[in-house]
Protein backbone atom coordinates (compact mmCIF):
# COMPACT_ATOMS: atom_id res chain seq x y z
CA UNK A 1 187.59 17.09 -126.18
CA UNK A 2 190.10 16.41 -123.42
CA UNK A 3 187.65 17.32 -120.69
CA UNK A 4 185.42 14.36 -121.33
CA UNK A 5 188.15 11.72 -121.29
CA UNK A 6 187.65 10.13 -117.94
CA UNK A 7 183.89 10.19 -117.47
CA UNK A 8 182.70 6.70 -116.56
CA UNK A 9 179.65 5.29 -117.93
CA UNK A 10 178.09 5.12 -114.56
CA UNK A 11 178.37 7.39 -111.58
CA UNK A 12 178.99 4.54 -109.20
CA UNK A 13 182.28 2.94 -107.99
CA UNK A 14 183.32 0.40 -110.48
CA UNK A 15 185.19 -2.90 -110.31
CA UNK A 16 188.82 -2.35 -111.45
CA UNK A 17 188.40 -4.54 -114.66
CA UNK A 18 185.09 -2.56 -115.59
CA UNK A 19 186.84 0.69 -115.05
CA UNK A 20 189.72 -0.23 -117.17
CA UNK A 21 187.50 -1.30 -120.02
CA UNK A 22 185.45 1.87 -119.77
CA UNK A 23 188.56 4.11 -119.82
CA UNK A 24 189.82 2.14 -122.85
CA UNK A 25 186.65 2.87 -124.64
CA UNK A 26 186.99 6.53 -123.53
CA UNK A 27 190.46 6.50 -124.94
CA UNK A 28 189.20 4.98 -128.20
CA UNK A 29 186.51 7.67 -128.47
CA UNK A 30 188.99 10.51 -127.78
CA UNK A 31 191.48 8.92 -130.34
CA UNK A 32 188.90 8.62 -133.16
CA UNK A 33 187.85 12.32 -132.62
CA UNK A 34 191.45 13.31 -132.70
CA UNK A 35 191.79 11.48 -135.95
CA UNK A 36 189.23 13.57 -137.56
CA UNK A 37 191.48 16.55 -136.79
CA UNK A 38 194.68 15.03 -137.50
CA UNK A 39 193.70 13.39 -140.79
CA UNK A 40 192.86 16.74 -142.43
CA UNK A 41 195.96 18.40 -140.85
CA UNK A 42 198.29 15.70 -142.13
CA UNK A 43 196.78 15.82 -145.65
CA UNK A 44 197.20 19.66 -145.69
CA UNK A 45 200.87 19.45 -144.32
CA UNK A 46 201.74 16.50 -146.60
CA UNK A 47 200.23 17.75 -149.83
CA UNK A 48 200.77 21.49 -149.45
CA UNK A 49 203.72 21.60 -147.07
CA UNK A 50 201.65 24.16 -145.13
CA UNK A 51 201.79 24.60 -141.32
CA UNK A 52 198.17 25.58 -140.62
CA UNK A 53 197.71 26.80 -137.09
CA UNK A 54 194.16 27.82 -137.89
CA UNK A 55 192.92 24.25 -138.27
CA UNK A 56 191.62 24.25 -134.71
CA UNK A 57 189.61 27.33 -135.64
CA UNK A 58 187.77 25.25 -138.20
CA UNK A 59 186.95 22.70 -135.65
CA UNK A 60 185.34 25.56 -133.63
CA UNK A 61 183.47 26.75 -136.72
CA UNK A 62 181.91 23.38 -137.14
CA UNK A 63 180.90 23.05 -133.47
CA UNK A 64 179.26 26.57 -133.66
CA UNK A 65 177.48 25.88 -136.81
CA UNK A 66 176.10 22.57 -135.40
CA UNK A 67 175.02 24.19 -132.21
CA UNK A 68 173.04 27.05 -134.05
CA UNK A 69 171.39 24.83 -136.57
CA UNK A 70 170.46 22.29 -133.78
CA UNK A 71 168.83 25.13 -131.84
CA UNK A 72 167.06 26.36 -134.92
CA UNK A 73 165.82 23.03 -136.22
CA UNK A 74 166.09 20.57 -133.45
CA UNK A 75 167.70 18.10 -135.81
CA UNK A 76 171.04 16.50 -134.94
CA UNK A 77 171.56 15.26 -138.58
CA UNK A 78 171.00 18.62 -140.01
CA UNK A 79 173.33 20.03 -137.32
CA UNK A 80 176.13 17.51 -138.35
CA UNK A 81 175.57 18.31 -142.03
CA UNK A 82 175.74 22.14 -141.32
CA UNK A 83 179.00 21.64 -139.34
CA UNK A 84 180.60 19.73 -142.22
CA UNK A 85 179.44 22.13 -144.84
CA UNK A 86 180.22 25.38 -142.84
CA UNK A 87 183.65 24.16 -141.95
CA UNK A 88 184.52 23.00 -145.51
CA UNK A 89 183.32 26.24 -146.96
CA UNK A 90 185.21 28.34 -144.42
CA UNK A 91 188.33 26.22 -145.25
CA UNK A 92 187.84 26.65 -149.00
CA UNK A 93 187.29 30.34 -148.59
CA UNK A 94 190.30 30.64 -146.42
CA UNK A 95 192.51 28.73 -148.91
CA UNK A 96 191.34 30.89 -151.82
CA UNK A 97 191.79 34.23 -150.07
CA UNK A 98 194.73 33.68 -147.76
CA UNK A 99 196.52 30.30 -147.79
CA UNK A 100 197.07 30.23 -151.57
CA UNK A 101 199.53 33.11 -151.09
CA UNK A 102 201.61 31.27 -148.46
CA UNK A 103 202.50 28.05 -150.28
CA UNK A 104 206.00 29.49 -151.51
CA UNK A 105 206.47 31.42 -148.18
CA UNK A 106 208.83 30.44 -145.42
CA UNK A 107 207.34 28.26 -142.56
CA UNK A 108 207.75 31.29 -140.20
CA UNK A 109 205.49 33.42 -142.50
CA UNK A 110 202.96 30.52 -142.63
CA UNK A 111 202.91 30.30 -138.85
CA UNK A 112 202.48 34.05 -138.42
CA UNK A 113 199.72 34.21 -141.01
CA UNK A 114 197.63 31.26 -139.80
CA UNK A 115 198.07 32.51 -136.17
CA UNK A 116 196.48 35.82 -137.29
CA UNK A 117 193.64 33.60 -138.81
CA UNK A 118 193.16 32.19 -135.34
CA UNK A 119 192.53 35.63 -133.92
CA UNK A 120 190.15 36.52 -136.85
CA UNK A 121 188.15 33.40 -136.53
CA UNK A 122 187.90 33.72 -132.60
CA UNK A 123 186.86 37.40 -132.72
CA UNK A 124 184.51 36.75 -135.60
CA UNK A 125 182.86 33.92 -133.87
CA UNK A 126 182.57 36.00 -130.64
CA UNK A 127 180.99 38.83 -132.75
CA UNK A 128 178.37 36.50 -134.26
CA UNK A 129 177.48 34.17 -131.33
CA UNK A 130 178.71 36.11 -128.30
CA UNK A 131 181.12 35.12 -125.61
CA UNK A 132 178.94 32.73 -123.79
CA UNK A 133 179.30 29.04 -124.45
CA UNK A 134 176.57 27.22 -126.47
CA UNK A 135 175.32 23.62 -125.85
CA UNK A 136 174.51 20.98 -128.25
CA UNK A 137 172.22 18.15 -126.89
CA UNK A 138 172.76 14.53 -127.50
CA UNK A 139 169.93 13.31 -129.74
CA UNK A 140 167.34 11.38 -127.84
CA UNK A 141 167.93 8.28 -130.00
CA UNK A 142 171.52 8.12 -128.87
CA UNK A 143 170.99 9.11 -125.24
CA UNK A 144 171.36 6.65 -122.38
CA UNK A 145 173.60 3.70 -122.00
CA UNK A 146 173.99 0.33 -123.70
CA UNK A 147 174.86 -2.93 -121.99
CA UNK A 148 178.11 -4.34 -123.17
CA UNK A 149 179.43 -7.93 -122.55
CA UNK A 150 180.60 -8.27 -119.04
CA UNK A 151 177.86 -6.16 -117.59
CA UNK A 152 179.37 -2.86 -118.66
CA UNK A 153 177.01 0.10 -119.00
CA UNK A 154 178.49 2.46 -121.56
CA UNK A 155 177.05 5.64 -123.11
CA UNK A 156 175.46 4.92 -126.46
CA UNK A 157 176.55 8.27 -127.95
CA UNK A 158 180.25 7.59 -127.08
CA UNK A 159 179.97 4.23 -128.80
CA UNK A 160 178.39 6.02 -131.78
CA UNK A 161 181.33 8.45 -131.93
CA UNK A 162 183.78 5.53 -132.00
CA UNK A 163 181.70 3.98 -134.93
CA UNK A 164 181.62 7.31 -136.80
CA UNK A 165 185.33 7.81 -136.48
CA UNK A 166 186.05 4.25 -137.75
CA UNK A 167 183.73 4.67 -140.68
CA UNK A 168 185.47 8.06 -141.58
CA UNK A 169 188.89 6.41 -141.36
CA UNK A 170 187.71 3.57 -143.64
CA UNK A 171 186.24 6.16 -146.06
CA UNK A 172 189.46 8.27 -146.22
CA UNK A 173 191.56 5.09 -146.81
CA UNK A 174 189.26 4.09 -149.84
CA UNK A 175 189.36 7.69 -151.03
CA UNK A 176 193.17 7.90 -151.00
CA UNK A 177 193.85 4.32 -152.09
CA UNK A 178 190.95 3.54 -154.54
CA UNK A 179 190.05 6.71 -156.38
CA UNK A 180 191.45 9.01 -159.01
CA UNK A 181 191.53 11.94 -156.73
CA UNK A 182 193.15 9.91 -154.07
CA UNK A 183 196.00 9.08 -156.55
CA UNK A 184 196.28 12.71 -157.22
CA UNK A 185 196.54 13.59 -153.61
CA UNK A 186 199.18 10.94 -153.01
CA UNK A 187 201.10 12.06 -156.01
CA UNK A 188 200.90 15.60 -154.76
CA UNK A 189 202.65 14.59 -151.62
CA UNK A 190 205.62 13.27 -153.54
CA UNK A 191 206.01 15.58 -156.53
CA UNK A 192 203.70 18.56 -157.05
CA UNK A 193 205.47 19.89 -160.02
CA UNK A 194 205.22 16.63 -161.92
CA UNK A 195 201.52 16.21 -161.46
CA UNK A 196 200.95 19.78 -162.50
CA UNK A 197 202.95 19.11 -165.62
CA UNK A 198 200.79 16.17 -166.36
CA UNK A 199 197.72 18.28 -166.49
CA UNK A 200 196.35 18.06 -163.02
CA UNK A 201 194.82 21.40 -161.78
CA UNK A 202 197.02 21.70 -158.68
CA UNK A 203 195.13 24.83 -157.53
CA UNK A 204 191.81 23.13 -157.55
CA UNK A 205 193.46 20.13 -155.91
CA UNK A 206 194.80 22.24 -153.11
CA UNK A 207 191.50 23.91 -152.49
CA UNK A 208 189.75 20.39 -152.33
CA UNK A 209 192.25 18.97 -149.90
CA UNK A 210 191.95 22.01 -147.69
CA UNK A 211 188.26 22.01 -147.67
CA UNK A 212 188.19 18.19 -147.08
CA UNK A 213 190.58 18.53 -144.09
CA UNK A 214 188.44 21.59 -142.81
CA UNK A 215 185.26 19.61 -143.10
CA UNK A 216 186.69 16.68 -141.12
CA UNK A 217 187.74 19.14 -138.38
CA UNK A 218 184.26 20.75 -138.31
CA UNK A 219 182.62 17.39 -138.08
CA UNK A 220 184.85 16.42 -135.08
CA UNK A 221 184.00 19.75 -133.34
CA UNK A 222 180.21 19.15 -133.82
CA UNK A 223 180.32 15.63 -132.55
CA UNK A 224 182.43 16.58 -129.47
CA UNK A 225 180.20 19.55 -128.92
CA UNK A 226 177.43 17.39 -127.64
CA UNK A 227 179.54 16.11 -124.78
CA UNK A 228 181.17 19.45 -123.83
CA UNK A 229 180.36 23.02 -124.21
CA UNK A 230 180.78 24.88 -127.51
CA UNK A 231 182.91 27.93 -126.94
CA UNK A 232 185.34 30.30 -128.54
CA UNK A 233 188.99 28.97 -128.48
CA UNK A 234 187.83 25.33 -128.06
CA UNK A 235 189.98 24.34 -131.01
CA UNK A 236 193.43 25.25 -129.80
CA UNK A 237 194.10 22.57 -127.15
CA UNK A 238 192.90 19.93 -129.66
CA UNK A 239 195.11 21.40 -132.39
CA UNK A 240 198.27 20.79 -130.18
CA UNK A 241 197.34 17.19 -129.80
CA UNK A 242 196.68 16.82 -133.46
CA UNK A 243 200.14 18.13 -134.18
CA UNK A 244 201.49 15.42 -131.69
CA UNK A 245 199.44 12.80 -133.59
CA UNK A 246 200.85 13.68 -137.02
CA UNK A 247 204.49 13.76 -135.70
CA UNK A 248 204.01 10.30 -134.15
CA UNK A 249 202.25 8.87 -137.17
CA UNK A 250 204.27 10.52 -139.79
CA UNK A 251 203.39 13.56 -141.89
CA UNK A 252 201.14 12.85 -144.78
CA UNK A 253 200.13 9.28 -143.76
CA UNK A 254 196.45 8.73 -143.09
CA UNK A 255 197.30 5.26 -141.61
CA UNK A 256 199.84 7.02 -139.43
CA UNK A 257 197.31 9.61 -138.28
CA UNK A 258 194.79 6.89 -137.28
CA UNK A 259 197.41 4.81 -135.28
CA UNK A 260 198.86 7.95 -133.72
CA UNK A 261 195.44 9.17 -132.74
CA UNK A 262 194.58 6.01 -131.07
CA UNK A 263 197.85 5.86 -129.23
CA UNK A 264 197.55 9.49 -128.04
CA UNK A 265 193.83 9.06 -127.09
CA UNK A 266 194.66 5.89 -124.89
CA UNK A 267 197.76 7.40 -123.40
CA UNK A 268 196.06 10.68 -122.49
CA UNK A 269 192.96 9.03 -121.04
CA UNK A 270 194.51 6.04 -119.26
CA UNK A 271 197.31 8.25 -117.90
CA UNK A 272 194.90 10.79 -116.49
CA UNK A 273 192.85 8.20 -114.66
CA UNK A 274 195.37 5.63 -113.57
CA UNK A 275 198.73 7.40 -112.98
CA UNK A 276 197.40 9.19 -109.79
CA UNK A 277 196.05 5.79 -108.49
CA UNK A 278 199.35 4.18 -109.17
CA UNK A 279 201.23 6.82 -107.19
CA UNK A 280 198.95 6.31 -104.37
CA UNK A 281 200.33 2.87 -103.66
CA UNK A 282 203.50 4.30 -102.25
CA UNK A 283 202.71 8.06 -101.76
CA UNK A 284 200.33 10.15 -99.75
CA UNK A 285 196.96 10.83 -101.54
CA UNK A 286 197.56 14.59 -102.20
CA UNK A 287 201.17 14.17 -103.46
CA UNK A 288 200.21 11.14 -105.55
CA UNK A 289 197.32 13.00 -107.22
CA UNK A 290 199.67 16.01 -107.95
CA UNK A 291 202.48 13.82 -109.24
CA UNK A 292 200.22 11.52 -111.26
CA UNK A 293 198.39 14.43 -112.82
CA UNK A 294 201.50 16.20 -113.76
CA UNK A 295 203.02 13.05 -115.34
CA UNK A 296 199.68 12.35 -117.14
CA UNK A 297 199.74 15.78 -118.78
CA UNK A 298 203.35 14.99 -120.03
CA UNK A 299 202.62 11.46 -121.14
CA UNK A 300 201.65 12.09 -124.84
CA UNK A 301 204.82 14.20 -125.25
CA UNK A 302 206.90 11.48 -123.68
CA UNK A 303 205.30 8.95 -126.14
CA UNK A 304 206.14 11.33 -128.96
CA UNK A 305 209.82 11.52 -127.80
CA UNK A 306 210.11 7.79 -127.65
CA UNK A 307 208.62 7.38 -131.14
CA UNK A 308 210.97 10.00 -132.63
CA UNK A 309 214.01 8.33 -131.03
CA UNK A 310 213.18 5.14 -132.77
CA UNK A 311 211.50 6.58 -135.91
CA UNK A 312 212.73 10.07 -136.69
CA UNK A 313 209.98 10.50 -139.38
CA UNK A 314 207.30 9.02 -137.42
CA UNK A 315 205.73 5.47 -137.48
CA UNK A 316 204.61 5.70 -141.04
CA UNK A 317 206.40 8.73 -142.39
CA UNK A 318 208.39 8.72 -145.60
CA UNK A 319 212.01 7.64 -144.82
CA UNK A 320 214.77 10.04 -145.85
């Protein structure tokens, strides 16, 4: 996901204002894809109190399922459906077989167990698909660029990713705020024992939440797989940023995950493109590139530190 952040819509030298707008759009695309990862992660953490390091592996499962189905059927829609279904099924199965035994365990035990799941998923995927990357083509209907106001040529597929991410964000908000299951999920974040006492099947609720989070991660992996290679271990770098997102936004908050994702996506993308250029104003080119790139890699963590100084529970986290 990170590797595609700074690709301009055209290969030509761009006017500064056009370049800025393009990179803002790239940052939004990166952010909404991070949101698909972070939303499921924050739900799982908020409702179950579980630190799930294997969430990035479910992102990888979705990407590989999409690449395999697309290669077999040449259908992008079927590939996306397969990614969502495969990741959700893998998540539900993982929750039933492994995660269910970790809810009452210490956080260190959860970390160790879910780290072991990363290794299992990685080696299992390598056994099934091999060690070489797979490639998922952008569908022909979404290939090419579209002309935006101001004469900006921007890839249609990236705009589609932004639109899908926004629709998913709206759907999750409606799910959690306007449905019965959403009420149960929000109640589970606050008092699991009470909703269990009221007759809610907490075991089924946990499995549903875990499968939902896994499905969103798998969908993100499949969508991003069309603009970068699909390979073993692709989920771990994204998982780190997803944890940054939920710390910034506040654990358990869908709104916080969305705002945090956009902030991280813009910070990461704009920093990677413009910080080296900024330092070139008063440093030699090589030194400016090295310094700017180093600071750009730290920018999201600096942002997280600033937010935590002002809001120790995140932007929208529950106040103690």
